[in-house]
Protein backbone atom coordinates (compact mmCIF):
# COMPACT_ATOMS: atom_id res chain seq x y z
CA MET A 1 32.85 17.37 -22.79
CA ALA A 2 32.65 16.39 -19.12
CA ILE A 3 29.73 14.29 -17.91
CA ALA A 4 28.75 14.24 -14.24
CA SER A 5 29.67 11.04 -12.41
CA GLY A 6 28.14 9.81 -9.17
CA SER A 7 31.63 9.07 -7.88
CA ARG A 8 32.31 12.85 -7.80
CA HIS A 9 29.06 13.80 -6.07
CA SER A 10 29.08 15.30 -2.58
CA MET A 11 26.43 16.69 -0.25
CA GLY A 12 26.45 19.11 2.66
CA TYR A 13 23.93 20.60 5.07
CA ILE A 14 23.59 23.51 7.44
CA ALA A 15 20.80 24.34 9.87
CA GLU A 16 18.66 27.38 9.04
CA ALA A 17 17.91 30.02 11.68
CA SER A 18 14.97 31.20 9.56
CA TYR A 19 12.94 28.82 7.43
CA GLY A 20 14.12 28.79 3.83
CA VAL A 21 17.10 31.13 4.41
CA THR A 22 20.66 29.84 4.03
CA PRO A 23 22.97 31.42 6.66
CA ASN A 24 25.72 33.74 5.46
CA THR A 25 29.17 32.14 5.07
CA PRO A 26 27.74 28.68 5.76
CA ALA A 27 29.89 25.90 7.20
CA PHE A 28 28.38 22.93 5.40
CA LYS A 29 28.64 19.60 7.21
CA ALA A 30 29.22 16.66 4.91
CA ILE A 31 26.43 14.14 4.37
CA ARG A 32 27.87 10.67 3.85
CA HIS A 33 25.59 8.95 1.38
CA SER A 34 25.23 6.11 -1.09
CA SER A 35 22.53 7.75 -3.24
CA SER A 36 20.32 10.81 -3.47
CA THR A 37 17.14 11.75 -5.35
CA LEU A 38 16.69 15.20 -3.80
CA GLY A 39 15.24 17.50 -6.44
CA LEU A 40 12.54 19.90 -7.58
CA SER A 41 9.16 18.89 -8.96
CA LYS A 42 6.27 21.06 -10.12
CA GLU A 43 2.59 20.54 -10.56
CA SER A 44 1.17 21.41 -13.97
CA ILE A 45 -1.81 23.60 -14.79
CA GLN A 46 -3.42 23.06 -18.17
CA SER A 47 -5.96 25.43 -19.65
CA ASN A 48 -9.47 24.02 -20.16
CA GLU A 49 -10.32 26.61 -22.80
CA LEU A 50 -12.17 25.05 -25.73
CA ARG A 51 -11.11 25.95 -29.26
CA SER A 52 -12.60 25.06 -32.62
CA ASP A 53 -9.19 23.77 -33.79
CA ARG A 54 -9.02 21.36 -30.80
CA GLN A 55 -5.65 22.73 -29.66
CA ILE A 56 -4.55 23.20 -26.05
CA ALA A 57 -4.51 26.93 -25.47
CA ASP A 58 -2.02 27.21 -22.61
CA PHE A 59 -0.01 25.35 -20.01
CA ARG A 60 1.62 26.67 -16.83
CA HIS A 61 3.88 25.42 -14.07
CA GLY A 62 2.12 25.22 -10.72
CA ASN A 63 3.18 24.65 -7.13
CA LYS A 64 6.78 23.69 -6.51
CA SER A 65 7.94 21.01 -4.10
CA ILE A 66 11.34 19.77 -3.04
CA THR A 67 11.31 16.07 -2.31
CA GLY A 68 13.67 13.13 -2.38
CA ASP A 69 15.72 10.67 -0.39
CA ILE A 70 19.25 10.22 0.84
CA GLY A 71 20.47 6.62 0.90
CA LEU A 72 23.07 5.92 3.57
CA GLU A 73 25.14 3.38 5.44
CA LEU A 74 24.75 4.13 9.13
CA SER A 75 27.99 5.09 10.88
CA TYR A 76 28.66 6.48 14.33
CA GLY A 77 28.41 10.26 14.69
CA SER A 78 27.77 10.89 10.99
CA PHE A 79 24.02 11.54 11.12
CA ASP A 80 23.36 12.69 14.70
CA ASP A 81 22.05 16.12 13.63
CA LEU A 82 19.78 14.52 11.08
CA LEU A 83 18.52 11.92 13.56
CA GLU A 84 17.63 14.82 15.84
CA ALA A 85 15.75 16.48 13.00
CA VAL A 86 13.74 13.45 11.90
CA LEU A 87 12.86 12.44 15.47
CA GLY A 88 12.06 16.02 16.46
CA GLY A 89 14.07 15.64 19.65
CA THR A 90 17.33 16.84 21.16
CA TRP A 91 20.28 14.76 22.32
CA ALA A 92 20.34 14.80 26.13
CA ALA A 93 23.92 14.59 27.39
CA ASP A 94 24.91 12.04 30.04
CA THR A 95 21.51 10.36 29.93
CA PRO A 96 20.87 7.78 31.29
CA SER A 97 24.45 7.71 32.62
CA ALA A 98 27.72 9.60 32.25
CA GLY A 99 29.14 9.48 28.74
CA ILE A 100 25.90 8.25 27.12
CA ASP A 101 23.56 10.61 25.27
CA GLN A 102 19.90 9.90 24.61
CA LEU A 103 17.47 11.04 21.92
CA LYS A 104 13.69 10.68 22.03
CA ALA A 105 10.91 11.57 19.60
CA GLY A 106 9.75 15.12 20.27
CA VAL A 107 8.18 18.26 18.85
CA VAL A 108 11.22 20.38 17.87
CA ARG A 109 11.08 21.58 14.26
CA ARG A 110 14.30 22.10 12.29
CA SER A 111 14.94 23.12 8.70
CA PHE A 112 18.13 22.94 6.67
CA SER A 113 19.82 24.19 3.55
CA ILE A 114 21.33 21.32 1.58
CA GLU A 115 23.88 21.58 -1.20
CA ARG A 116 24.63 18.96 -3.83
CA HIS A 117 27.96 19.41 -5.62
CA PHE A 118 28.83 17.70 -8.90
CA GLU A 119 32.55 18.36 -8.76
CA ASP A 120 33.54 17.03 -12.18
CA VAL A 121 31.20 19.47 -13.96
CA THR A 122 31.42 22.28 -11.35
CA GLN A 123 27.68 22.42 -10.72
CA TYR A 124 25.93 23.17 -7.44
CA LEU A 125 22.29 22.40 -6.67
CA ARG A 126 21.05 24.17 -3.54
CA PHE A 127 17.88 23.42 -1.63
CA THR A 128 16.33 25.51 1.13
CA GLY A 129 13.66 24.91 3.76
CA VAL A 130 14.46 21.19 3.87
CA ASN A 131 12.71 19.17 6.60
CA PHE A 132 13.51 15.53 7.34
CA ASN A 133 10.19 13.71 7.16
CA THR A 134 10.98 9.99 7.16
CA LEU A 135 13.65 7.55 8.29
CA SER A 136 14.04 3.89 7.45
CA LEU A 137 16.71 1.51 8.72
CA SER A 138 17.43 -2.05 7.63
CA VAL A 139 19.49 -4.67 9.46
CA ALA A 140 20.05 -7.81 7.39
CA PRO A 141 22.56 -10.68 7.48
CA ASN A 142 25.89 -10.24 5.74
CA ALA A 143 25.31 -6.55 5.04
CA MET A 144 25.97 -3.03 6.22
CA VAL A 145 23.22 -1.38 8.21
CA THR A 146 21.55 0.80 5.60
CA GLY A 147 18.98 3.55 5.78
CA THR A 148 17.05 6.21 3.91
CA LEU A 149 16.18 9.74 4.95
CA GLY A 150 13.18 11.28 3.19
CA MET A 151 12.92 15.05 2.81
CA ILE A 152 10.47 17.78 1.92
CA GLY A 153 11.54 21.37 1.22
CA GLN A 154 10.76 24.77 -0.24
CA GLY A 155 13.13 26.05 -2.95
CA MET A 156 15.97 25.21 -5.30
CA THR A 157 18.68 27.20 -7.12
CA THR A 158 21.68 26.27 -9.25
CA SER A 159 25.14 27.76 -9.52
CA THR A 160 28.61 27.12 -10.89
CA THR A 161 30.37 28.71 -7.91
CA ALA A 162 30.46 28.10 -4.17
CA ILE A 163 28.66 30.48 -1.83
CA THR A 164 30.96 33.31 -0.79
CA GLY A 165 32.65 32.39 2.47
CA ALA A 166 31.28 28.84 2.53
CA THR A 167 33.43 26.20 4.21
CA TYR A 168 33.32 22.44 3.95
CA PRO A 169 34.67 20.55 6.98
CA ALA A 170 35.78 16.99 6.31
CA ALA A 171 33.28 14.18 6.71
CA THR A 172 33.41 11.78 9.63
CA THR A 173 35.59 8.71 9.19
CA SER A 174 33.80 6.18 11.40
CA THR A 175 33.22 2.78 9.80
CA PRO A 176 29.67 1.77 8.84
CA PHE A 177 27.83 -0.57 11.20
CA ASP A 178 27.36 -4.15 10.04
CA SER A 179 24.98 -6.95 11.00
CA PHE A 180 27.67 -9.14 12.57
CA THR A 181 28.24 -7.12 15.73
CA GLY A 182 25.52 -6.13 18.13
CA SER A 183 22.41 -7.79 19.52
CA ILE A 184 18.60 -7.85 19.32
CA ASN A 185 16.21 -8.26 22.25
CA GLU A 186 12.49 -8.92 22.13
CA GLY A 187 10.58 -8.47 25.36
CA ASN A 188 13.95 -7.94 27.10
CA ASN A 189 15.09 -11.42 26.02
CA ALA A 190 17.93 -12.01 23.56
CA ILE A 191 16.75 -13.48 20.29
CA ALA A 192 19.21 -15.12 17.92
CA VAL A 193 17.06 -16.28 14.99
CA ILE A 194 16.31 -12.92 13.34
CA THR A 195 16.96 -12.83 9.60
CA ASP A 196 15.82 -9.27 8.94
CA LEU A 197 14.83 -6.20 10.95
CA SER A 198 13.47 -2.99 9.49
CA LEU A 199 12.42 0.22 11.20
CA ASN A 200 10.41 3.10 9.72
CA LEU A 201 9.57 6.54 11.11
CA ASP A 202 7.12 8.84 9.33
CA ASN A 203 6.31 12.37 10.53
CA GLY A 204 3.40 12.84 8.12
CA MET A 205 4.66 16.13 6.70
CA ASN A 206 2.77 17.86 3.88
CA THR A 207 3.37 20.98 1.84
CA MET A 208 1.27 24.08 2.60
CA ASN A 209 0.52 26.19 -0.46
CA VAL A 210 -1.12 29.62 -0.52
CA VAL A 211 -2.31 32.16 -3.07
CA GLY A 212 0.49 34.48 -4.14
CA SER A 213 3.35 31.99 -4.12
CA SER A 214 4.26 28.72 -5.80
CA GLU A 215 6.51 27.71 -2.89
CA THR A 216 5.33 25.94 0.24
CA LEU A 217 5.23 27.43 3.69
CA ASP A 218 7.00 25.49 6.43
CA PRO A 219 5.38 22.04 5.92
CA SER A 220 2.69 20.81 8.27
CA ILE A 221 3.61 17.88 10.50
CA GLY A 222 1.55 14.96 11.71
CA ARG A 223 2.12 12.37 14.39
CA SER A 224 5.34 10.46 15.01
CA ASN A 225 4.50 7.10 13.45
CA VAL A 226 7.06 4.36 14.08
CA THR A 227 6.49 0.98 12.45
CA GLY A 228 8.64 -1.91 11.34
CA SER A 229 8.96 -5.59 10.65
CA MET A 230 11.01 -8.48 12.02
CA THR A 231 11.58 -11.76 10.24
CA ALA A 232 12.69 -14.80 12.23
CA TYR A 233 13.18 -18.51 11.72
CA PHE A 234 10.09 -20.30 13.06
CA GLU A 235 11.11 -22.35 16.10
CA ASN A 236 8.17 -21.93 18.52
CA THR A 237 4.95 -19.95 18.99
CA THR A 238 6.22 -17.45 21.58
CA LEU A 239 6.14 -14.49 19.21
CA LEU A 240 3.13 -15.78 17.29
CA ASN A 241 1.10 -15.96 20.50
CA LYS A 242 1.93 -12.34 21.23
CA PHE A 243 0.34 -11.43 17.90
CA ILE A 244 -2.67 -13.70 18.47
CA ASN A 245 -3.29 -12.38 21.98
CA GLU A 246 -2.48 -8.71 21.24
CA THR A 247 0.26 -8.81 23.86
CA GLU A 248 2.35 -5.68 24.25
CA THR A 249 6.09 -6.23 24.09
CA SER A 250 9.30 -4.37 23.20
CA ILE A 251 12.16 -4.53 20.73
CA ASP A 252 15.64 -3.12 21.17
CA PHE A 253 18.87 -3.60 19.28
CA THR A 254 22.45 -2.52 19.75
CA LEU A 255 24.83 -1.71 16.90
CA THR A 256 28.59 -1.69 17.51
CA ASP A 257 31.25 -0.55 15.05
CA VAL A 258 34.82 -1.87 14.78
CA ALA A 259 36.10 0.84 17.15
CA GLY A 260 33.55 -0.05 19.82
CA ASN A 261 31.17 2.92 19.40
CA THR A 262 27.54 1.91 19.87
CA TYR A 263 24.00 3.00 19.11
CA PHE A 264 21.16 1.52 21.12
CA PHE A 265 17.71 1.67 19.51
CA ASP A 266 14.78 1.01 21.82
CA LEU A 267 11.09 0.65 21.00
CA PRO A 268 9.82 0.18 24.55
CA ARG A 269 6.18 -0.54 23.69
CA ILE A 270 5.02 -2.29 20.53
CA LYS A 271 2.21 -4.50 19.29
CA TYR A 272 2.48 -7.00 16.45
CA ASN A 273 -0.15 -6.61 13.75
CA SER A 274 0.71 -9.60 11.56
CA GLY A 275 2.47 -12.94 11.77
CA GLN A 276 2.12 -16.14 9.78
CA PRO A 277 4.57 -19.03 9.11
CA ASP A 278 4.06 -19.53 5.37
CA VAL A 279 5.61 -22.59 3.73
CA THR A 280 6.49 -22.29 0.05
CA ASP A 281 9.19 -24.95 -0.44
CA GLU A 282 11.53 -27.29 1.45
CA ASN A 283 13.69 -24.50 2.88
CA PRO A 284 13.65 -23.34 6.52
CA VAL A 285 10.39 -21.66 7.50
CA THR A 286 10.44 -18.00 8.48
CA ILE A 287 7.74 -15.80 9.92
CA THR A 288 7.50 -12.02 9.50
CA PHE A 289 5.97 -9.87 12.22
CA ASP A 290 4.91 -6.34 11.36
CA PHE A 291 4.69 -4.07 14.37
CA GLN A 292 3.45 -0.68 15.50
CA ALA A 293 5.35 1.31 18.13
CA LEU A 294 3.29 3.14 20.75
CA ARG A 295 3.98 5.79 23.37
CA ASP A 296 5.53 4.20 26.41
CA PRO A 297 4.38 5.84 29.66
CA THR A 298 7.69 5.14 31.42
CA THR A 299 9.95 6.75 28.82
CA SER A 300 7.28 9.10 27.34
CA THR A 301 8.25 8.15 23.81
CA ASN A 302 7.69 5.55 21.09
CA ILE A 303 11.39 5.38 20.21
CA LEU A 304 14.65 6.32 21.84
CA ILE A 305 18.25 6.16 20.68
CA GLN A 306 21.33 6.16 22.86
CA ARG A 307 24.86 6.85 21.64
CA ASN A 308 27.90 5.65 23.51
CA PRO A 309 31.37 6.53 22.17
CA VAL A 310 34.26 4.22 22.83
């Protein structure tokens, strides 16, 4: 008896022209991933009928929801469609200069069909109406740059066969970014004492349920909320004073892979909302600054990403 193994798990996605409808003969693009929890959950409805024998009279399944995460190691060109989706923007070619594309947070809605394939047991799990709601990225010493994409969707089916006419182009082969190459700037000044940087984007999506169906409509969407934290060795009060005085500043960082491809992440207007140099033992003192990104009037966004191929 075969048992499914994570080492034989693959994922693919395709954009939907109509919400919740997988295109005919889909060409699934591979999703490079390190983990996935994408699945179906249901609310429960329990009868409140009272009986003299104290038994529960009935129980029903309620509203369905598709939720879960994709864990990833960020690599050049592998997630550009999904970055577009979670930011709600569109890559602008040759911006700000020839050969460089730029992506800003926007208002464009996109939904996808996603397929999970457990090859060793020939099982397919298919999800429709999938929206990308959240993104988190982590840059830490001696590690790959890792991230998580959070999703919310409409429906799920299972099968033991591929969709008729479906194709599966090969995944990208770019190497994951690491924390050794690249740079971090704070207030347009290079900073070399960062021990950890995390970035989080939340679109505030929620399911929309109606009478007559247990599946959600296209989820509602809230504001583009970009937050994060930066931990640094404590060497002076420059950053701490920015927190104390509510001084606006900026953070940007560049990631470069072994081939020379780069992503440039820019938060052009932020405010720190915490910062304290706690001492717990004899080891070097660090200070963690949580921050909130705000709309920058010059760029008209709270976050922008630039891609620059070698």
